[in-house]
């Protein structure tokens, strides 16, 4: 059950983080027409952030889980 909570939280928070990064205009920090670098930056940052959020949610879920 914990793995399912982690996976769902990871996917949802990764999508959310990518949308936030798109809205933040980080494109200005890169050279023009370097699309793959911008997209790879978004994916790496989103996955790292999503892992942290998903781990936090998983631990909170474990606190309230009754056996």
Protein backbone atom coordinates (compact mmCIF):
# COMPACT_ATOMS: atom_id res chain seq x y z
CA UNK A 1 0.00 0.00 0.00
CA UNK A 2 2.86 2.39 0.77
CA UNK A 3 4.31 1.93 -2.71
CA UNK A 4 0.98 2.82 -4.28
CA UNK A 5 0.73 5.99 -2.20
CA UNK A 6 4.30 6.93 -3.15
CA UNK A 7 3.73 6.29 -6.87
CA UNK A 8 0.50 8.28 -7.03
CA UNK A 9 2.03 11.16 -5.05
CA UNK A 10 5.15 11.07 -7.26
CA UNK A 11 3.19 11.26 -10.49
CA UNK A 12 0.81 13.98 -9.32
CA UNK A 13 3.53 16.13 -7.79
CA UNK A 14 5.78 15.71 -10.87
CA UNK A 15 3.02 16.98 -13.15
CA UNK A 16 2.32 19.81 -10.73
CA UNK A 17 6.01 20.76 -10.50
CA UNK A 18 6.40 20.81 -14.28
CA UNK A 19 3.41 23.15 -14.60
CA UNK A 20 4.84 25.44 -11.92
CA UNK A 21 8.24 25.48 -13.63
CA UNK A 22 6.64 26.31 -16.99
CA UNK A 23 4.86 29.26 -15.43
CA UNK A 24 8.03 30.56 -13.74
CA UNK A 25 9.80 31.63 -16.97
CA UNK A 26 13.09 29.83 -16.33
CA UNK A 27 13.56 29.85 -20.12
CA UNK A 28 15.24 33.23 -19.79
CA UNK A 29 18.18 31.58 -17.98
CA UNK A 30 18.96 29.42 -21.03
CA UNK A 31 20.16 30.32 -24.51
CA UNK A 32 17.51 30.73 -27.16
CA UNK A 33 16.49 27.62 -29.17
CA UNK A 34 17.90 25.17 -26.61
CA UNK A 35 14.58 23.41 -26.14
CA UNK A 36 15.97 20.03 -25.06
CA UNK A 37 18.07 21.63 -22.33
CA UNK A 38 15.09 23.51 -20.95
CA UNK A 39 12.85 20.43 -21.02
CA UNK A 40 15.50 18.22 -19.43
CA UNK A 41 16.02 20.83 -16.70
CA UNK A 42 12.28 20.85 -16.01
CA UNK A 43 12.13 17.04 -15.86
CA UNK A 44 15.13 16.69 -13.53
CA UNK A 45 13.99 19.40 -11.14
CA UNK A 46 10.40 18.10 -11.23
CA UNK A 47 11.48 14.53 -10.46
CA UNK A 48 13.70 15.57 -7.57
CA UNK A 49 10.99 17.80 -6.12
CA UNK A 50 8.32 15.16 -6.74
CA UNK A 51 10.41 12.54 -4.94
CA UNK A 52 10.74 14.79 -1.90
CA UNK A 53 7.02 15.56 -1.84
CA UNK A 54 6.06 11.90 -2.40
CA UNK A 55 8.39 10.74 0.38
CA UNK A 56 6.85 13.28 2.74
CA UNK A 57 3.31 12.20 1.83
CA UNK A 58 4.26 8.54 2.26
CA UNK A 59 5.64 9.19 5.75
CA UNK A 60 2.55 11.16 6.74
CA UNK A 61 0.39 8.31 5.43
CA UNK A 62 2.40 5.83 7.53
CA UNK A 63 1.77 7.94 10.66
CA UNK A 64 -1.99 7.64 10.30
CA UNK A 65 -2.08 4.03 9.16
CA UNK A 66 -3.61 1.68 11.72
CA UNK A 67 -2.66 -1.99 11.84
